Amino acid sequence: MTSWREEISEAAQDDLDGLVEPVWDFAEHQLLARGEFFPFAFVVGTDGEQSMAAAEVGDDKPESTEVIDVLNAGLTEKRDDLRATAVVADVHLPDLDTDAIRIVLEHREGVALEIMIPYRLQPITREVAFGELLVSEAERVVWGTPS
């Protein structure tokens, strides 16, 4: 089986690798501060700069799926100015009976990956205990499906 790293350039690998740490850090910060978080996105622009993106949905407590849809629509609209995206959500994994940080990474070179980072909030120590990362292919959304 071919690794995703063999399918894209080293620069694209760096773009995707470079998004994981800041989104994980931000998600962990939100979990420690609030116990949960709304979906958000980080992007790498064509200039190589990273920035954060959020979605306005006009509701105090919107459904995560609605926020993700708005994020993806906005990222798709701006894809000509982007090299890579990371859409991040707080999800529950029923099969593992745990919550997880879900990161969907996508690059304009054609790779889309989903990273699940299981976690448990430790109320006594006020820390987040992370489980083993689960990585799989994801559906391309921002740059569509390959032709």
N, C-alpha and C. Protein backbone atom coordinates (compact mmCIF):
# COMPACT_ATOMS: atom_id res chain seq x y z
N MET A 1 0.84 -1.17 0.00
CA MET A 1 0.00 0.00 0.00
C MET A 1 0.89 1.25 0.00
N THR A 2 0.56 2.20 -0.85
CA THR A 2 1.34 3.42 -0.97
C THR A 2 0.99 4.37 0.17
N SER A 3 2.01 4.95 0.77
CA SER A 3 1.81 5.93 1.83
C SER A 3 1.42 7.27 1.22
N TRP A 4 0.62 8.03 1.92
CA TRP A 4 0.23 9.36 1.43
C TRP A 4 1.46 10.23 1.23
N ARG A 5 2.50 9.99 2.00
CA ARG A 5 3.72 10.79 1.87
C ARG A 5 4.41 10.58 0.52
N GLU A 6 4.17 9.43 -0.10
CA GLU A 6 4.76 9.14 -1.42
C GLU A 6 3.97 9.80 -2.55
N GLU A 7 2.77 10.28 -2.23
CA GLU A 7 1.88 10.84 -3.26
C GLU A 7 2.00 12.35 -3.41
N ILE A 8 2.66 13.03 -2.46
CA ILE A 8 2.74 14.49 -2.52
C ILE A 8 4.17 14.95 -2.29
N SER A 9 4.42 16.20 -2.59
CA SER A 9 5.76 16.76 -2.46
C SER A 9 6.16 16.90 -0.99
N GLU A 10 7.45 17.08 -0.78
CA GLU A 10 7.95 17.31 0.58
C GLU A 10 7.38 18.60 1.16
N ALA A 11 7.22 19.61 0.31
CA ALA A 11 6.65 20.89 0.78
C ALA A 11 5.21 20.68 1.25
N ALA A 12 4.44 19.86 0.54
CA ALA A 12 3.06 19.58 0.95
C ALA A 12 3.04 18.80 2.26
N GLN A 13 3.96 17.85 2.41
CA GLN A 13 4.07 17.10 3.67
C GLN A 13 4.35 18.07 4.82
N ASP A 14 5.26 19.01 4.59
CA ASP A 14 5.59 20.00 5.62
C ASP A 14 4.38 20.86 5.97
N ASP A 15 3.60 21.24 4.95
CA ASP A 15 2.38 22.03 5.21
C ASP A 15 1.44 21.27 6.15
N LEU A 16 1.18 20.01 5.83
CA LEU A 16 0.26 19.22 6.65
C LEU A 16 0.82 18.94 8.03
N ASP A 17 2.09 18.51 8.08
CA ASP A 17 2.73 18.24 9.37
C ASP A 17 2.72 19.50 10.24
N GLY A 18 2.94 20.65 9.61
CA GLY A 18 3.01 21.91 10.34
C GLY A 18 1.68 22.39 10.90
N LEU A 19 0.58 21.83 10.42
CA LEU A 19 -0.74 22.21 10.95
C LEU A 19 -1.13 21.41 12.20
N VAL A 20 -0.60 20.20 12.33
CA VAL A 20 -1.04 19.31 13.42
C VAL A 20 -0.76 19.90 14.79
N GLU A 21 0.45 20.36 15.04
CA GLU A 21 0.79 20.85 16.39
C GLU A 21 -0.04 22.07 16.80
N PRO A 22 -0.17 23.11 15.97
CA PRO A 22 -0.96 24.25 16.43
C PRO A 22 -2.45 23.93 16.64
N VAL A 23 -3.04 23.08 15.80
CA VAL A 23 -4.45 22.78 16.02
C VAL A 23 -4.64 21.90 17.25
N TRP A 24 -3.72 20.97 17.47
CA TRP A 24 -3.78 20.12 18.66
C TRP A 24 -3.63 20.98 19.90
N ASP A 25 -2.65 21.88 19.89
CA ASP A 25 -2.43 22.77 21.04
C ASP A 25 -3.65 23.63 21.33
N PHE A 26 -4.25 24.21 20.29
CA PHE A 26 -5.43 25.06 20.49
C PHE A 26 -6.59 24.24 21.03
N ALA A 27 -6.81 23.05 20.46
CA ALA A 27 -7.90 22.19 20.94
C ALA A 27 -7.68 21.81 22.41
N GLU A 28 -6.45 21.45 22.76
CA GLU A 28 -6.16 21.09 24.15
C GLU A 28 -6.40 22.29 25.07
N HIS A 29 -5.98 23.46 24.65
CA HIS A 29 -6.21 24.67 25.45
C HIS A 29 -7.71 24.88 25.68
N GLN A 30 -8.52 24.71 24.64
CA GLN A 30 -9.97 24.88 24.77
C GLN A 30 -10.57 23.82 25.69
N LEU A 31 -10.09 22.58 25.58
CA LEU A 31 -10.59 21.51 26.45
C LEU A 31 -10.29 21.82 27.91
N LEU A 32 -9.08 22.31 28.18
CA LEU A 32 -8.71 22.64 29.56
C LEU A 32 -9.50 23.82 30.09
N ALA A 33 -9.77 24.80 29.22
CA ALA A 33 -10.47 26.01 29.65
C ALA A 33 -11.98 25.80 29.73
N ARG A 34 -12.55 25.02 28.79
CA ARG A 34 -14.01 24.94 28.67
C ARG A 34 -14.58 23.53 28.74
N GLY A 35 -13.71 22.53 28.63
CA GLY A 35 -14.18 21.14 28.64
C GLY A 35 -14.69 20.66 27.29
N GLU A 36 -14.70 21.55 26.30
CA GLU A 36 -15.14 21.23 24.95
C GLU A 36 -14.72 22.37 24.03
N PHE A 37 -14.98 22.23 22.73
CA PHE A 37 -14.72 23.34 21.82
C PHE A 37 -15.59 23.21 20.58
N PHE A 38 -15.86 24.36 19.97
CA PHE A 38 -16.57 24.39 18.70
C PHE A 38 -15.58 24.10 17.59
N PRO A 39 -16.04 23.55 16.49
CA PRO A 39 -15.14 23.31 15.36
C PRO A 39 -14.46 24.61 14.90
N PHE A 40 -13.23 24.45 14.44
CA PHE A 40 -12.44 25.58 13.94
C PHE A 40 -11.52 25.05 12.86
N ALA A 41 -10.83 25.96 12.18
CA ALA A 41 -9.91 25.55 11.13
C ALA A 41 -8.64 26.36 11.20
N PHE A 42 -7.56 25.76 10.75
CA PHE A 42 -6.30 26.45 10.51
C PHE A 42 -5.99 26.22 9.04
N VAL A 43 -5.33 27.19 8.43
CA VAL A 43 -4.99 27.07 7.01
C VAL A 43 -3.54 27.48 6.79
N VAL A 44 -2.99 27.01 5.67
CA VAL A 44 -1.71 27.48 5.17
C VAL A 44 -2.04 28.20 3.87
N GLY A 45 -1.74 29.50 3.82
CA GLY A 45 -1.99 30.28 2.61
C GLY A 45 -0.95 30.00 1.55
N THR A 46 -1.17 30.52 0.36
CA THR A 46 -0.22 30.32 -0.73
C THR A 46 1.12 30.97 -0.42
N ASP A 47 1.12 31.91 0.53
CA ASP A 47 2.37 32.55 0.96
C ASP A 47 3.10 31.75 2.03
N GLY A 48 2.50 30.60 2.45
CA GLY A 48 3.11 29.75 3.47
C GLY A 48 2.75 30.13 4.90
N GLU A 49 2.00 31.20 5.08
CA GLU A 49 1.61 31.65 6.42
C GLU A 49 0.41 30.85 6.93
N GLN A 50 0.47 30.50 8.22
CA GLN A 50 -0.65 29.83 8.87
C GLN A 50 -1.57 30.87 9.49
N SER A 51 -2.87 30.58 9.47
CA SER A 51 -3.83 31.43 10.17
C SER A 51 -5.01 30.57 10.59
N MET A 52 -5.78 31.11 11.53
CA MET A 52 -6.94 30.39 12.05
C MET A 52 -8.18 30.89 11.34
N ALA A 53 -9.16 29.99 11.18
CA ALA A 53 -10.44 30.36 10.60
C ALA A 53 -11.55 29.85 11.52
N ALA A 54 -12.59 30.63 11.63
CA ALA A 54 -13.75 30.24 12.42
C ALA A 54 -14.99 30.47 11.57
N ALA A 55 -16.12 29.96 12.01
CA ALA A 55 -17.36 30.09 11.25
C ALA A 55 -18.41 30.81 12.09
N GLU A 56 -19.10 31.74 11.47
CA GLU A 56 -20.23 32.41 12.09
C GLU A 56 -21.50 31.73 11.62
N VAL A 57 -22.27 31.18 12.55
CA VAL A 57 -23.50 30.52 12.17
C VAL A 57 -24.73 31.17 12.80
N GLY A 58 -24.53 32.20 13.60
CA GLY A 58 -25.65 32.94 14.16
C GLY A 58 -26.42 32.24 15.26
N ASP A 59 -25.85 31.24 15.88
CA ASP A 59 -26.51 30.50 16.94
C ASP A 59 -25.54 30.40 18.11
N ASP A 60 -26.06 30.53 19.34
CA ASP A 60 -25.19 30.45 20.51
C ASP A 60 -24.56 29.07 20.68
N LYS A 61 -25.31 28.06 20.37
CA LYS A 61 -24.83 26.68 20.53
C LYS A 61 -25.19 25.88 19.27
N PRO A 62 -24.50 26.18 18.16
CA PRO A 62 -24.83 25.49 16.91
C PRO A 62 -24.37 24.03 16.93
N GLU A 63 -24.99 23.24 16.07
CA GLU A 63 -24.56 21.86 15.89
C GLU A 63 -23.17 21.87 15.25
N SER A 64 -22.31 20.99 15.70
CA SER A 64 -20.95 20.90 15.14
C SER A 64 -20.98 20.68 13.64
N THR A 65 -21.90 19.85 13.17
CA THR A 65 -21.96 19.57 11.73
C THR A 65 -22.27 20.83 10.94
N GLU A 66 -23.11 21.70 11.49
CA GLU A 66 -23.43 22.95 10.82
C GLU A 66 -22.19 23.85 10.74
N VAL A 67 -21.44 23.93 11.84
CA VAL A 67 -20.21 24.74 11.86
C VAL A 67 -19.19 24.19 10.86
N ILE A 68 -19.04 22.88 10.83
CA ILE A 68 -18.10 22.26 9.90
C ILE A 68 -18.51 22.54 8.45
N ASP A 69 -19.80 22.45 8.16
CA ASP A 69 -20.28 22.75 6.81
C ASP A 69 -19.96 24.18 6.41
N VAL A 70 -20.16 25.13 7.33
CA VAL A 70 -19.87 26.54 7.04
C VAL A 70 -18.37 26.74 6.86
N LEU A 71 -17.56 26.11 7.73
CA LEU A 71 -16.11 26.18 7.58
C LEU A 71 -15.67 25.65 6.21
N ASN A 72 -16.14 24.46 5.85
CA ASN A 72 -15.75 23.86 4.58
C ASN A 72 -16.19 24.70 3.39
N ALA A 73 -17.36 25.29 3.47
CA ALA A 73 -17.84 26.15 2.37
C ALA A 73 -16.93 27.37 2.22
N GLY A 74 -16.56 27.98 3.35
CA GLY A 74 -15.67 29.14 3.31
C GLY A 74 -14.29 28.79 2.80
N LEU A 75 -13.76 27.64 3.23
CA LEU A 75 -12.45 27.22 2.77
C LEU A 75 -12.47 26.88 1.28
N THR A 76 -13.53 26.25 0.84
CA THR A 76 -13.66 25.92 -0.58
C THR A 76 -13.70 27.19 -1.42
N GLU A 77 -14.41 28.18 -0.93
CA GLU A 77 -14.51 29.46 -1.64
C GLU A 77 -13.14 30.14 -1.76
N LYS A 78 -12.29 29.96 -0.75
CA LYS A 78 -10.98 30.61 -0.72
C LYS A 78 -9.82 29.70 -1.13
N ARG A 79 -10.13 28.52 -1.66
CA ARG A 79 -9.09 27.52 -1.93
C ARG A 79 -7.99 27.99 -2.87
N ASP A 80 -8.27 28.92 -3.74
CA ASP A 80 -7.23 29.41 -4.65
C ASP A 80 -6.13 30.17 -3.91
N ASP A 81 -6.44 30.62 -2.69
CA ASP A 81 -5.47 31.34 -1.87
C ASP A 81 -4.85 30.45 -0.80
N LEU A 82 -5.15 29.14 -0.84
CA LEU A 82 -4.69 28.22 0.20
C LEU A 82 -3.87 27.09 -0.38
N ARG A 83 -2.97 26.56 0.47
CA ARG A 83 -2.23 25.35 0.14
C ARG A 83 -2.73 24.16 0.94
N ALA A 84 -3.14 24.40 2.19
CA ALA A 84 -3.56 23.30 3.06
C ALA A 84 -4.58 23.79 4.08
N THR A 85 -5.41 22.86 4.53
CA THR A 85 -6.42 23.18 5.55
C THR A 85 -6.45 22.10 6.62
N ALA A 86 -6.87 22.49 7.81
CA ALA A 86 -7.14 21.55 8.90
C ALA A 86 -8.45 21.97 9.54
N VAL A 87 -9.45 21.11 9.47
CA VAL A 87 -10.74 21.37 10.12
C VAL A 87 -10.80 20.47 11.34
N VAL A 88 -11.07 21.09 12.50
CA VAL A 88 -10.93 20.39 13.77
C VAL A 88 -12.26 20.41 14.53
N ALA A 89 -12.63 19.26 15.08
CA ALA A 89 -13.88 19.16 15.84
C ALA A 89 -13.68 18.27 17.06
N ASP A 90 -14.51 18.49 18.05
CA ASP A 90 -14.58 17.68 19.27
C ASP A 90 -15.67 16.64 19.02
N VAL A 91 -15.29 15.36 18.96
CA VAL A 91 -16.24 14.31 18.61
C VAL A 91 -16.26 13.21 19.67
N HIS A 92 -17.27 12.36 19.59
CA HIS A 92 -17.35 11.19 20.45
C HIS A 92 -17.17 9.95 19.58
N LEU A 93 -16.33 9.01 20.04
CA LEU A 93 -16.11 7.75 19.33
C LEU A 93 -16.84 6.64 20.09
N PRO A 94 -18.05 6.32 19.66
CA PRO A 94 -18.84 5.33 20.41
C PRO A 94 -18.18 3.95 20.50
N ASP A 95 -17.49 3.53 19.44
CA ASP A 95 -16.84 2.21 19.46
C ASP A 95 -15.78 2.12 20.55
N LEU A 96 -15.13 3.24 20.83
CA LEU A 96 -14.08 3.26 21.86
C LEU A 96 -14.59 3.87 23.17
N ASP A 97 -15.84 4.33 23.17
CA ASP A 97 -16.45 4.99 24.32
C ASP A 97 -15.55 6.09 24.88
N THR A 98 -15.13 6.97 23.98
CA THR A 98 -14.27 8.08 24.39
C THR A 98 -14.51 9.26 23.46
N ASP A 99 -14.11 10.41 23.91
CA ASP A 99 -14.13 11.61 23.09
C ASP A 99 -12.81 11.69 22.33
N ALA A 100 -12.78 12.51 21.27
CA ALA A 100 -11.57 12.64 20.47
C ALA A 100 -11.52 14.01 19.80
N ILE A 101 -10.31 14.44 19.55
CA ILE A 101 -10.08 15.59 18.69
C ILE A 101 -9.99 15.02 17.28
N ARG A 102 -10.85 15.50 16.40
CA ARG A 102 -10.84 15.03 15.00
C ARG A 102 -10.24 16.13 14.14
N ILE A 103 -9.15 15.80 13.46
CA ILE A 103 -8.48 16.76 12.57
C ILE A 103 -8.58 16.20 11.15
N VAL A 104 -9.20 16.96 10.26
CA VAL A 104 -9.24 16.58 8.86
C VAL A 104 -8.30 17.51 8.11
N LEU A 105 -7.21 16.93 7.64
CA LEU A 105 -6.19 17.68 6.90
C LEU A 105 -6.42 17.49 5.41
N GLU A 106 -6.25 18.58 4.67
CA GLU A 106 -6.38 18.47 3.22
C GLU A 106 -5.34 19.37 2.57
N HIS A 107 -4.78 18.89 1.46
CA HIS A 107 -3.79 19.69 0.73
C HIS A 107 -4.21 19.80 -0.72
N ARG A 108 -3.87 20.93 -1.31
CA ARG A 108 -4.25 21.17 -2.72
C ARG A 108 -3.61 20.15 -3.66
N GLU A 109 -2.55 19.46 -3.21
CA GLU A 109 -1.91 18.43 -4.04
C GLU A 109 -2.69 17.13 -4.08
N GLY A 110 -3.79 17.05 -3.33
CA GLY A 110 -4.67 15.90 -3.48
C GLY A 110 -4.81 14.95 -2.31
N VAL A 111 -4.17 15.22 -1.20
CA VAL A 111 -4.25 14.31 -0.05
C VAL A 111 -5.26 14.85 0.96
N ALA A 112 -6.05 13.95 1.52
CA ALA A 112 -6.96 14.28 2.61
C ALA A 112 -6.83 13.18 3.66
N LEU A 113 -6.56 13.58 4.90
CA LEU A 113 -6.36 12.64 6.00
C LEU A 113 -7.24 13.01 7.18
N GLU A 114 -7.65 12.00 7.92
CA GLU A 114 -8.38 12.22 9.16
C GLU A 114 -7.52 11.67 10.30
N ILE A 115 -7.29 12.51 11.30
CA ILE A 115 -6.56 12.09 12.49
C ILE A 115 -7.52 12.17 13.67
N MET A 116 -7.66 11.08 14.37
CA MET A 116 -8.46 11.04 15.60
C MET A 116 -7.51 10.92 16.77
N ILE A 117 -7.66 11.82 17.73
CA ILE A 117 -6.82 11.79 18.92
C ILE A 117 -7.75 11.59 20.13
N PRO A 118 -7.93 10.34 20.56
CA PRO A 118 -8.79 10.09 21.72
C PRO A 118 -8.25 10.81 22.96
N TYR A 119 -9.18 11.28 23.78
CA TYR A 119 -8.76 11.96 25.02
C TYR A 119 -9.75 11.74 26.14
N ARG A 120 -9.25 11.93 27.33
CA ARG A 120 -10.09 11.95 28.54
C ARG A 120 -9.65 13.13 29.39
N LEU A 121 -10.62 13.90 29.84
CA LEU A 121 -10.32 15.00 30.76
C LEU A 121 -10.11 14.43 32.14
N GLN A 122 -9.03 14.83 32.79
CA GLN A 122 -8.71 14.38 34.14
C GLN A 122 -9.10 15.51 35.11
N PRO A 123 -10.28 15.42 35.72
CA PRO A 123 -10.77 16.54 36.53
C PRO A 123 -9.90 16.86 37.75
N ILE A 124 -9.31 15.87 38.35
CA ILE A 124 -8.52 16.12 39.56
C ILE A 124 -7.22 16.84 39.22
N THR A 125 -6.52 16.37 38.20
CA THR A 125 -5.24 16.99 37.83
C THR A 125 -5.42 18.14 36.84
N ARG A 126 -6.65 18.30 36.32
CA ARG A 126 -6.94 19.34 35.31
C ARG A 126 -6.00 19.23 34.12
N GLU A 127 -5.87 18.00 33.64
CA GLU A 127 -5.06 17.71 32.47
C GLU A 127 -5.89 16.95 31.46
N VAL A 128 -5.36 16.84 30.25
CA VAL A 128 -5.99 16.03 29.22
C VAL A 128 -5.08 14.84 28.96
N ALA A 129 -5.62 13.64 29.10
CA ALA A 129 -4.86 12.42 28.80
C ALA A 129 -5.23 11.98 27.39
N PHE A 130 -4.20 11.88 26.54
CA PHE A 130 -4.44 11.52 25.14
C PHE A 130 -4.14 10.05 24.91
N GLY A 131 -4.92 9.45 24.01
CA GLY A 131 -4.71 8.08 23.59
C GLY A 131 -3.90 8.04 22.30
N GLU A 132 -3.84 6.86 21.72
CA GLU A 132 -3.07 6.65 20.50
C GLU A 132 -3.78 7.27 19.30
N LEU A 133 -3.01 7.97 18.46
CA LEU A 133 -3.56 8.59 17.26
C LEU A 133 -4.05 7.53 16.28
N LEU A 134 -5.19 7.83 15.66
CA LEU A 134 -5.75 6.97 14.63
C LEU A 134 -5.77 7.79 13.34
N VAL A 135 -5.10 7.30 12.30
CA VAL A 135 -4.99 8.05 11.05
C VAL A 135 -5.60 7.23 9.92
N SER A 136 -6.40 7.91 9.10
CA SER A 136 -7.00 7.25 7.93
C SER A 136 -7.19 8.27 6.81
N GLU A 137 -7.49 7.76 5.62
CA GLU A 137 -7.79 8.66 4.51
C GLU A 137 -9.13 9.33 4.79
N ALA A 138 -9.29 10.53 4.24
CA ALA A 138 -10.54 11.27 4.40
C ALA A 138 -11.05 11.68 3.02
N GLU A 139 -12.29 12.07 2.98
CA GLU A 139 -12.88 12.57 1.75
C GLU A 139 -12.35 13.97 1.47
N ARG A 140 -11.99 14.23 0.23
CA ARG A 140 -11.56 15.56 -0.17
C ARG A 140 -12.80 16.44 -0.26
N VAL A 141 -12.76 17.57 0.43
CA VAL A 141 -13.90 18.49 0.44
C VAL A 141 -13.50 19.83 -0.17
N VAL A 142 -12.45 20.42 0.35
CA VAL A 142 -12.04 21.76 -0.09
C VAL A 142 -11.62 21.75 -1.55
N TRP A 143 -10.84 20.76 -1.95
CA TRP A 143 -10.39 20.67 -3.34
C TRP A 143 -11.14 19.60 -4.11
N GLY A 144 -12.25 19.14 -3.58
CA GLY A 144 -13.09 18.18 -4.30
C GLY A 144 -12.45 16.83 -4.49
N THR A 145 -13.15 15.97 -5.17
CA THR A 145 -12.63 14.62 -5.43
C THR A 145 -11.72 14.64 -6.65
N PRO A 146 -10.73 13.77 -6.66
CA PRO A 146 -9.81 13.76 -7.81
C PRO A 146 -10.55 13.33 -9.07
N SER A 147 -10.09 13.84 -10.20
CA SER A 147 -10.74 13.49 -11.48
C SER A 147 -10.21 12.19 -12.03
